[in-house]
Amino acid sequence: MVDAAFGGGSVAGGSRPPLDLSGKRNRAFSERLIKWMLAACAVFTLLTTLGIFVILLYESLEFFGEVPVWDFLFGNEWTALFPAQASFGVLPLVRGTVVIAAISACVSIPLGLMAAIYLSEYAGERSRSILKPILEILAGIPTIVYGFFALKFITPNLIQPILDVGVFNGLAAGIAVGIMTLPLVASLSEDALRAVPMSLREAAYGLGGTKFETAVRIVVPAAISGIVASFILAISRAIGETMIVALAAGSRPAGQGAEGPWDPT
């Protein structure tokens, strides 16, 4: 029966020739063509990265030919849009980026981790099937929508009743960026928590641990690598965000306004 299945023996009614597993006659040519196509894609990726590096290096050398490196790295004023009194100190930009990333981390990390613990340890299948798609929808909202949300809702309704800030402020931008990165933390952390073997939970329950103690003392430490990875990705996303900051905080660098620590960033 095995011989018949592979065409190497006789079957009822006569014999059949063995199967030809060598493929088409031009099989070697097609394999070489696919190999060279894949190699061309890899080389194109490498050349693109190299081109970006070369352009950045060329433009940087041209820029530092006009602006001293010391003034760029340690200058406290950025007025690149005013040619008559142009100044290119990068410290206000770095300071604003750090402030926005820190505020967003204070919003997304604790809320995202608590949401992940709930989805992994407490929520039933029905609740998870409803809440998880909502998180995915939040992750797919365009950043310009978050910017208008911060400008029209967070600032006038949440911040201005408590703090004396202007329409454009870094606090609203940081909160909006934190809301944007929250689904990233929650989704990745929940995947890491659900990857923890059930035997660890059962062992904790057998020792008398409650669900909360099991989640905090057993499951979270076991999934800490994936959780930390989600934190790093969220902070990296916050550092690279521009549209929300431009809409909610304005375009003036941090520290060059008169509104205090929450001035435009």
C-alpha atoms as a PDB file:
ATOM      1  CA  MET A   1       0.000   0.000   0.000  1.00  0.00           C
ATOM      2  CA  VAL A   2       2.868   2.376   0.790  1.00  0.00           C
ATOM      3  CA  ASP A   3       4.546   1.613  -2.524  1.00  0.00           C
ATOM      4  CA  ALA A   4       1.283   2.246  -4.314  1.00  0.00           C
ATOM      5  CA  ALA A   5       0.795   5.548  -2.561  1.00  0.00           C
ATOM      6  CA  PHE A   6       4.193   6.804  -3.679  1.00  0.00           C
ATOM      7  CA  GLY A   7       3.945   5.310  -7.136  1.00  0.00           C
ATOM      8  CA  GLY A   8       6.802   2.918  -6.607  1.00  0.00           C
ATOM      9  CA  GLY A   9       4.866  -0.349  -6.980  1.00  0.00           C
ATOM     10  CA  SER A  10       1.959  -1.932  -8.748  1.00  0.00           C
ATOM     11  CA  VAL A  11      -1.677  -1.178  -8.119  1.00  0.00           C
ATOM     12  CA  ALA A  12      -4.826  -3.002  -9.040  1.00  0.00           C
ATOM     13  CA  GLY A  13      -5.338  -3.034 -12.717  1.00  0.00           C
ATOM     14  CA  GLY A  14      -1.700  -2.589 -13.725  1.00  0.00           C
ATOM     15  CA  SER A  15       1.467  -0.759 -12.880  1.00  0.00           C
ATOM     16  CA  ARG A  16       2.111   2.974 -13.009  1.00  0.00           C
ATOM     17  CA  PRO A  17       5.417   4.788 -13.461  1.00  0.00           C
ATOM     18  CA  PRO A  18       7.029   6.354 -10.378  1.00  0.00           C
ATOM     19  CA  LEU A  19       6.128   9.939  -9.542  1.00  0.00           C
ATOM     20  CA  ASP A  20       8.408  12.597 -10.934  1.00  0.00           C
ATOM     21  CA  LEU A  21       9.340  14.779  -7.933  1.00  0.00           C
ATOM     22  CA  SER A  22      11.977  16.763  -9.757  1.00  0.00           C
ATOM     23  CA  GLY A  23       9.503  19.477 -10.745  1.00  0.00           C
ATOM     24  CA  LYS A  24       9.520  21.361 -13.993  1.00  0.00           C
ATOM     25  CA  ARG A  25      12.405  21.273 -16.398  1.00  0.00           C
ATOM     26  CA  ASN A  26      13.252  24.905 -15.660  1.00  0.00           C
ATOM     27  CA  ARG A  27      13.158  24.332 -11.916  1.00  0.00           C
ATOM     28  CA  ALA A  28      16.823  25.253 -11.469  1.00  0.00           C
ATOM     29  CA  PHE A  29      16.334  28.519 -13.364  1.00  0.00           C
ATOM     30  CA  SER A  30      13.263  29.493 -11.318  1.00  0.00           C
ATOM     31  CA  GLU A  31      15.097  28.741  -8.063  1.00  0.00           C
ATOM     32  CA  ARG A  32      18.023  30.919  -9.140  1.00  0.00           C
ATOM     33  CA  LEU A  33      15.619  33.687 -10.165  1.00  0.00           C
ATOM     34  CA  ILE A  34      13.878  33.626  -6.793  1.00  0.00           C
ATOM     35  CA  LYS A  35      17.246  33.623  -5.035  1.00  0.00           C
ATOM     36  CA  TRP A  36      18.422  36.685  -6.944  1.00  0.00           C
ATOM     37  CA  MET A  37      15.111  38.497  -6.386  1.00  0.00           C
ATOM     38  CA  LEU A  38      15.340  37.946  -2.643  1.00  0.00           C
ATOM     39  CA  ALA A  39      18.968  39.009  -2.663  1.00  0.00           C
ATOM     40  CA  ALA A  40      18.014  42.170  -4.581  1.00  0.00           C
ATOM     41  CA  CYS A  41      15.406  43.016  -1.906  1.00  0.00           C
ATOM     42  CA  ALA A  42      18.006  42.564   0.823  1.00  0.00           C
ATOM     43  CA  VAL A  43      20.537  44.719  -1.025  1.00  0.00           C
ATOM     44  CA  PHE A  44      17.893  47.390  -1.634  1.00  0.00           C
ATOM     45  CA  THR A  45      17.159  47.524   2.098  1.00  0.00           C
ATOM     46  CA  LEU A  46      20.852  47.820   2.857  1.00  0.00           C
ATOM     47  CA  LEU A  47      21.353  50.561   0.258  1.00  0.00           C
ATOM     48  CA  THR A  48      18.363  52.488   1.595  1.00  0.00           C
ATOM     49  CA  THR A  49      19.791  52.432   5.115  1.00  0.00           C
ATOM     50  CA  LEU A  50      23.220  53.401   3.805  1.00  0.00           C
ATOM     51  CA  GLY A  51      21.722  56.241   1.750  1.00  0.00           C
ATOM     52  CA  ILE A  52      19.909  57.629   4.800  1.00  0.00           C
ATOM     53  CA  PHE A  53      23.150  57.509   6.787  1.00  0.00           C
ATOM     54  CA  VAL A  54      25.138  59.224   4.029  1.00  0.00           C
ATOM     55  CA  ILE A  55      22.560  62.003   3.586  1.00  0.00           C
ATOM     56  CA  LEU A  56      22.379  62.622   7.319  1.00  0.00           C
ATOM     57  CA  LEU A  57      26.163  62.712   7.546  1.00  0.00           C
ATOM     58  CA  TYR A  58      26.461  65.124   4.603  1.00  0.00           C
ATOM     59  CA  GLU A  59      23.754  67.456   5.903  1.00  0.00           C
ATOM     60  CA  SER A  60      25.208  67.334   9.414  1.00  0.00           C
ATOM     61  CA  LEU A  61      28.668  68.281   8.201  1.00  0.00           C
ATOM     62  CA  GLU A  62      27.188  71.166   6.222  1.00  0.00           C
ATOM     63  CA  PHE A  63      25.126  72.276   9.223  1.00  0.00           C
ATOM     64  CA  PHE A  64      28.014  72.134  11.685  1.00  0.00           C
ATOM     65  CA  GLY A  65      30.104  74.077   9.228  1.00  0.00           C
ATOM     66  CA  GLU A  66      27.874  77.067  10.020  1.00  0.00           C
ATOM     67  CA  VAL A  67      26.800  76.296  13.605  1.00  0.00           C
ATOM     68  CA  PRO A  68      29.380  75.414  16.272  1.00  0.00           C
ATOM     69  CA  VAL A  69      28.909  71.961  17.798  1.00  0.00           C
ATOM     70  CA  TRP A  70      29.120  73.386  21.322  1.00  0.00           C
ATOM     71  CA  ASP A  71      26.334  75.887  20.659  1.00  0.00           C
ATOM     72  CA  PHE A  72      24.154  73.157  19.205  1.00  0.00           C
ATOM     73  CA  LEU A  73      24.638  70.678  22.061  1.00  0.00           C
ATOM     74  CA  PHE A  74      24.473  73.114  24.979  1.00  0.00           C
ATOM     75  CA  GLY A  75      22.470  76.060  23.644  1.00  0.00           C
ATOM     76  CA  ASN A  76      19.279  76.984  25.513  1.00  0.00           C
ATOM     77  CA  GLU A  77      17.465  78.721  22.687  1.00  0.00           C
ATOM     78  CA  TRP A  78      15.976  77.367  19.456  1.00  0.00           C
ATOM     79  CA  THR A  79      14.798  79.976  16.970  1.00  0.00           C
ATOM     80  CA  ALA A  80      15.428  78.234  13.674  1.00  0.00           C
ATOM     81  CA  LEU A  81      12.438  79.925  11.987  1.00  0.00           C
ATOM     82  CA  PHE A  82      13.862  83.422  12.403  1.00  0.00           C
ATOM     83  CA  PRO A  83      16.804  83.819  10.005  1.00  0.00           C
ATOM     84  CA  ALA A  84      17.765  87.252  11.348  1.00  0.00           C
ATOM     85  CA  GLN A  85      18.338  85.898  14.875  1.00  0.00           C
ATOM     86  CA  ALA A  86      18.607  82.169  14.276  1.00  0.00           C
ATOM     87  CA  SER A  87      19.754  80.062  17.207  1.00  0.00           C
ATOM     88  CA  PHE A  88      20.102  76.284  17.179  1.00  0.00           C
ATOM     89  CA  GLY A  89      20.464  75.159  20.795  1.00  0.00           C
ATOM     90  CA  VAL A  90      19.058  71.644  21.020  1.00  0.00           C
ATOM     91  CA  LEU A  91      18.544  71.520  24.798  1.00  0.00           C
ATOM     92  CA  PRO A  92      14.976  72.962  24.702  1.00  0.00           C
ATOM     93  CA  LEU A  93      13.961  70.274  22.213  1.00  0.00           C
ATOM     94  CA  VAL A  94      15.539  67.509  24.296  1.00  0.00           C
ATOM     95  CA  ARG A  95      13.958  68.876  27.453  1.00  0.00           C
ATOM     96  CA  GLY A  96      10.522  69.015  25.858  1.00  0.00           C
ATOM     97  CA  THR A  97      10.862  65.472  24.506  1.00  0.00           C
ATOM     98  CA  VAL A  98      11.880  64.117  27.913  1.00  0.00           C
ATOM     99  CA  VAL A  99       8.985  65.898  29.633  1.00  0.00           C
ATOM    100  CA  ILE A 100       6.411  64.595  27.155  1.00  0.00           C
ATOM    101  CA  ALA A 101       7.803  61.051  27.330  1.00  0.00           C
ATOM    102  CA  ALA A 102       7.844  61.107  31.151  1.00  0.00           C
ATOM    103  CA  ILE A 103       4.241  62.332  31.401  1.00  0.00           C
ATOM    104  CA  SER A 104       3.060  59.771  28.874  1.00  0.00           C
ATOM    105  CA  ALA A 105       4.890  56.998  30.728  1.00  0.00           C
ATOM    106  CA  CYS A 106       3.159  58.007  33.973  1.00  0.00           C
ATOM    107  CA  VAL A 107      -0.161  57.567  32.168  1.00  0.00           C
ATOM    108  CA  SER A 108       0.376  54.541  29.938  1.00  0.00           C
ATOM    109  CA  ILE A 109       2.572  52.271  32.081  1.00  0.00           C
ATOM    110  CA  PRO A 110       0.425  51.909  35.232  1.00  0.00           C
ATOM    111  CA  LEU A 111      -2.917  51.991  33.428  1.00  0.00           C
ATOM    112  CA  GLY A 112      -1.724  49.655  30.693  1.00  0.00           C
ATOM    113  CA  LEU A 113      -0.259  47.158  33.164  1.00  0.00           C
ATOM    114  CA  MET A 114      -3.415  47.143  35.291  1.00  0.00           C
ATOM    115  CA  ALA A 115      -5.532  46.640  32.180  1.00  0.00           C
ATOM    116  CA  ALA A 116      -3.287  43.765  31.121  1.00  0.00           C
ATOM    117  CA  ILE A 117      -3.576  42.101  34.558  1.00  0.00           C
ATOM    118  CA  TYR A 118      -7.350  42.399  34.433  1.00  0.00           C
ATOM    119  CA  LEU A 119      -7.612  40.976  30.918  1.00  0.00           C
ATOM    120  CA  SER A 120      -5.242  38.119  31.711  1.00  0.00           C
ATOM    121  CA  GLU A 121      -6.261  37.111  35.231  1.00  0.00           C
ATOM    122  CA  TYR A 122      -9.764  38.410  35.948  1.00  0.00           C
ATOM    123  CA  ALA A 123     -11.740  38.968  32.754  1.00  0.00           C
ATOM    124  CA  GLY A 124     -13.827  36.171  31.334  1.00  0.00           C
ATOM    125  CA  GLU A 125     -13.849  35.214  27.704  1.00  0.00           C
ATOM    126  CA  ARG A 126     -16.863  37.415  26.972  1.00  0.00           C
ATOM    127  CA  SER A 127     -15.351  40.474  28.653  1.00  0.00           C
ATOM    128  CA  ARG A 128     -12.007  39.888  26.948  1.00  0.00           C
ATOM    129  CA  SER A 129     -13.675  39.556  23.558  1.00  0.00           C
ATOM    130  CA  ILE A 130     -15.256  42.994  24.083  1.00  0.00           C
ATOM    131  CA  LEU A 131     -12.386  44.893  25.728  1.00  0.00           C
ATOM    132  CA  LYS A 132      -9.519  43.626  23.590  1.00  0.00           C
ATOM    133  CA  PRO A 133     -10.986  44.936  20.296  1.00  0.00           C
ATOM    134  CA  ILE A 134     -11.613  48.304  21.984  1.00  0.00           C
ATOM    135  CA  LEU A 135      -7.921  48.505  22.847  1.00  0.00           C
ATOM    136  CA  GLU A 136      -7.034  47.619  19.276  1.00  0.00           C
ATOM    137  CA  ILE A 137      -9.327  50.406  18.039  1.00  0.00           C
ATOM    138  CA  LEU A 138      -7.538  52.893  20.313  1.00  0.00           C
ATOM    139  CA  ALA A 139      -4.232  51.780  18.832  1.00  0.00           C
ATOM    140  CA  GLY A 140      -5.533  52.460  15.323  1.00  0.00           C
ATOM    141  CA  ILE A 141      -6.807  56.006  15.884  1.00  0.00           C
ATOM    142  CA  PRO A 142      -4.747  58.587  13.932  1.00  0.00           C
ATOM    143  CA  THR A 143      -2.472  60.719  16.050  1.00  0.00           C
ATOM    144  CA  ILE A 144      -4.022  63.946  14.740  1.00  0.00           C
ATOM    145  CA  VAL A 145      -7.293  62.890  16.404  1.00  0.00           C
ATOM    146  CA  TYR A 146      -5.487  62.537  19.728  1.00  0.00           C
ATOM    147  CA  GLY A 147      -4.022  65.993  19.182  1.00  0.00           C
ATOM    148  CA  PHE A 148      -7.439  67.602  18.699  1.00  0.00           C
ATOM    149  CA  PHE A 149      -8.758  65.591  21.651  1.00  0.00           C
ATOM    150  CA  ALA A 150      -6.031  67.054  23.853  1.00  0.00           C
ATOM    151  CA  LEU A 151      -6.605  70.553  22.497  1.00  0.00           C
ATOM    152  CA  LYS A 152     -10.402  70.591  22.745  1.00  0.00           C
ATOM    153  CA  PHE A 153     -11.108  68.312  25.716  1.00  0.00           C
ATOM    154  CA  ILE A 154      -8.115  67.561  27.943  1.00  0.00           C
ATOM    155  CA  THR A 155      -6.887  71.149  28.247  1.00  0.00           C
ATOM    156  CA  PRO A 156     -10.196  73.009  28.828  1.00  0.00           C
ATOM    157  CA  ASN A 157     -11.978  70.309  30.848  1.00  0.00           C
ATOM    158  CA  LEU A 158      -9.257  68.513  32.817  1.00  0.00           C
ATOM    159  CA  ILE A 159      -6.243  70.808  33.161  1.00  0.00           C
ATOM    160  CA  GLN A 160      -7.378  74.443  33.087  1.00  0.00           C
ATOM    161  CA  PRO A 161      -9.883  74.014  35.967  1.00  0.00           C
ATOM    162  CA  ILE A 162      -6.943  72.885  38.148  1.00  0.00           C
ATOM    163  CA  LEU A 163      -3.844  74.609  36.752  1.00  0.00           C
ATOM    164  CA  ASP A 164      -3.318  78.063  35.296  1.00  0.00           C
ATOM    165  CA  VAL A 165      -2.067  77.097  31.855  1.00  0.00           C
ATOM    166  CA  GLY A 166      -2.607  78.305  28.340  1.00  0.00           C
ATOM    167  CA  VAL A 167      -4.385  76.567  25.507  1.00  0.00           C
ATOM    168  CA  PHE A 168      -1.119  75.041  24.349  1.00  0.00           C
ATOM    169  CA  ASN A 169       0.691  73.169  27.118  1.00  0.00           C
ATOM    170  CA  GLY A 170       2.959  70.169  27.501  1.00  0.00           C
ATOM    171  CA  LEU A 171       0.823  68.462  30.147  1.00  0.00           C
ATOM    172  CA  ALA A 172      -2.103  67.935  27.786  1.00  0.00           C
ATOM    173  CA  ALA A 173       0.252  66.672  25.092  1.00  0.00           C
ATOM    174  CA  GLY A 174       1.850  64.196  27.513  1.00  0.00           C
ATOM    175  CA  ILE A 175      -1.520  62.880  28.666  1.00  0.00           C
ATOM    176  CA  ALA A 176      -2.695  62.455  25.068  1.00  0.00           C
ATOM    177  CA  VAL A 177       0.502  60.624  24.109  1.00  0.00           C
ATOM    178  CA  GLY A 178       0.051  58.403  27.171  1.00  0.00           C
ATOM    179  CA  ILE A 179      -3.482  57.538  26.073  1.00  0.00           C
ATOM    180  CA  MET A 180      -2.157  56.752  22.599  1.00  0.00           C
ATOM    181  CA  THR A 181       0.547  54.375  23.916  1.00  0.00           C
ATOM    182  CA  LEU A 182      -1.686  52.755  26.548  1.00  0.00           C
ATOM    183  CA  PRO A 183      -3.059  50.073  24.157  1.00  0.00           C
ATOM    184  CA  LEU A 184       0.508  49.126  23.240  1.00  0.00           C
ATOM    185  CA  VAL A 185       1.423  48.487  26.870  1.00  0.00           C
ATOM    186  CA  ALA A 186      -1.848  46.699  27.639  1.00  0.00           C
ATOM    187  CA  SER A 187      -1.791  44.421  24.599  1.00  0.00           C
ATOM    188  CA  LEU A 188       1.852  43.355  24.798  1.00  0.00           C
ATOM    189  CA  SER A 189       1.776  42.953  28.578  1.00  0.00           C
ATOM    190  CA  GLU A 190      -1.394  40.882  28.376  1.00  0.00           C
ATOM    191  CA  ASP A 191       0.215  38.585  25.824  1.00  0.00           C
ATOM    192  CA  ALA A 192       3.238  38.181  28.105  1.00  0.00           C
ATOM    193  CA  LEU A 193       1.031  37.413  31.127  1.00  0.00           C
ATOM    194  CA  ARG A 194      -1.042  34.840  29.256  1.00  0.00           C
ATOM    195  CA  ALA A 195       2.152  33.107  28.140  1.00  0.00           C
ATOM    196  CA  VAL A 196       2.964  32.237  31.769  1.00  0.00           C
ATOM    197  CA  PRO A 197       2.250  28.508  32.335  1.00  0.00           C
ATOM    198  CA  MET A 198      -0.973  27.729  34.184  1.00  0.00           C
ATOM    199  CA  SER A 199       0.952  25.376  36.461  1.00  0.00           C
ATOM    200  CA  LEU A 200       2.522  28.362  38.231  1.00  0.00           C
ATOM    201  CA  ARG A 201      -0.906  29.783  38.987  1.00  0.00           C
ATOM    202  CA  GLU A 202      -2.205  26.435  40.195  1.00  0.00           C
ATOM    203  CA  ALA A 203       0.816  26.031  42.473  1.00  0.00           C
ATOM    204  CA  ALA A 204       0.185  29.466  43.978  1.00  0.00           C
ATOM    205  CA  TYR A 205      -3.489  28.646  44.505  1.00  0.00           C
ATOM    206  CA  GLY A 206      -2.486  25.371  46.130  1.00  0.00           C
ATOM    207  CA  LEU A 207      -0.348  27.267  48.630  1.00  0.00           C
ATOM    208  CA  GLY A 208      -3.308  29.432  49.592  1.00  0.00           C
ATOM    209  CA  GLY A 209      -2.586  32.484  47.473  1.00  0.00           C
ATOM    210  CA  THR A 210      -5.408  34.719  46.363  1.00  0.00           C
ATOM    211  CA  LYS A 211      -5.939  35.680  42.752  1.00  0.00           C
ATOM    212  CA  PHE A 212      -4.419  39.108  43.334  1.00  0.00           C
ATOM    213  CA  GLU A 213      -1.380  37.695  45.164  1.00  0.00           C
ATOM    214  CA  THR A 214      -0.886  35.146  42.397  1.00  0.00           C
ATOM    215  CA  ALA A 215      -1.083  37.818  39.717  1.00  0.00           C
ATOM    216  CA  VAL A 216       1.268  40.268  41.450  1.00  0.00           C
ATOM    217  CA  ARG A 217       3.803  37.921  43.056  1.00  0.00           C
ATOM    218  CA  ILE A 218       3.879  35.029  40.597  1.00  0.00           C
ATOM    219  CA  VAL A 219       2.541  35.900  37.150  1.00  0.00           C
ATOM    220  CA  VAL A 220       3.929  39.431  36.770  1.00  0.00           C
ATOM    221  CA  PRO A 221       7.510  38.489  37.826  1.00  0.00           C
ATOM    222  CA  ALA A 222       7.395  35.487  35.494  1.00  0.00           C
ATOM    223  CA  ALA A 223       6.389  37.729  32.571  1.00  0.00           C
ATOM    224  CA  ILE A 224       8.599  40.675  33.508  1.00  0.00           C
ATOM    225  CA  SER A 225      10.723  40.495  30.343  1.00  0.00           C
ATOM    226  CA  GLY A 226       7.719  40.914  28.057  1.00  0.00           C
ATOM    227  CA  ILE A 227       6.242  43.602  30.289  1.00  0.00           C
ATOM    228  CA  VAL A 228       9.461  45.622  30.306  1.00  0.00           C
ATOM    229  CA  ALA A 229       9.642  45.254  26.516  1.00  0.00           C
ATOM    230  CA  SER A 230       6.168  46.788  26.251  1.00  0.00           C
ATOM    231  CA  PHE A 231       7.283  49.684  28.467  1.00  0.00           C
ATOM    232  CA  ILE A 232      10.315  50.325  26.278  1.00  0.00           C
ATOM    233  CA  LEU A 233       8.257  50.247  23.090  1.00  0.00           C
ATOM    234  CA  ALA A 234       5.696  52.652  24.560  1.00  0.00           C
ATOM    235  CA  ILE A 235       8.362  55.118  25.674  1.00  0.00           C
ATOM    236  CA  SER A 236      10.069  54.868  22.284  1.00  0.00           C
ATOM    237  CA  ARG A 237       6.753  55.602  20.566  1.00  0.00           C
ATOM    238  CA  ALA A 238       6.220  58.592  22.862  1.00  0.00           C
ATOM    239  CA  ILE A 239       9.695  59.960  22.136  1.00  0.00           C
ATOM    240  CA  GLY A 240       9.079  59.807  18.402  1.00  0.00           C
ATOM    241  CA  GLU A 241       5.599  61.329  18.456  1.00  0.00           C
ATOM    242  CA  THR A 242       5.265  64.741  16.789  1.00  0.00           C
ATOM    243  CA  MET A 243       1.699  65.364  15.601  1.00  0.00           C
ATOM    244  CA  ILE A 244       0.075  65.260  19.052  1.00  0.00           C
ATOM    245  CA  VAL A 245       2.787  67.490  20.504  1.00  0.00           C
ATOM    246  CA  ALA A 246       2.523  69.986  17.654  1.00  0.00           C
ATOM    247  CA  LEU A 247      -1.255  70.315  18.051  1.00  0.00           C
ATOM    248  CA  ALA A 248      -1.599  70.174  21.831  1.00  0.00           C
ATOM    249  CA  ALA A 249       1.614  71.879  22.959  1.00  0.00           C
ATOM    250  CA  GLY A 250       2.275  74.260  20.104  1.00  0.00           C
ATOM    251  CA  SER A 251       5.524  74.694  18.220  1.00  0.00           C
ATOM    252  CA  ARG A 252       7.514  76.753  20.702  1.00  0.00           C
ATOM    253  CA  PRO A 253      10.420  74.884  22.351  1.00  0.00           C
ATOM    254  CA  ALA A 254      10.248  74.113  26.065  1.00  0.00           C
ATOM    255  CA  GLY A 255      11.473  76.749  28.473  1.00  0.00           C
ATOM    256  CA  GLN A 256      11.123  79.675  26.056  1.00  0.00           C
ATOM    257  CA  GLY A 257       7.631  80.674  27.157  1.00  0.00           C
ATOM    258  CA  ALA A 258       6.201  82.430  30.163  1.00  0.00           C
ATOM    259  CA  GLU A 259       3.637  79.870  31.305  1.00  0.00           C
ATOM    260  CA  GLY A 260       5.883  77.974  33.708  1.00  0.00           C
ATOM    261  CA  PRO A 261       6.760  74.258  33.692  1.00  0.00           C
ATOM    262  CA  TRP A 262       3.806  73.338  31.452  1.00  0.00           C
ATOM    263  CA  ASP A 263       4.588  75.864  28.741  1.00  0.00           C
ATOM    264  CA  PRO A 264       4.540  74.793  25.074  1.00  0.00           C
ATOM    265  CA  THR A 265       7.006  72.057  24.320  1.00  0.00           C
END
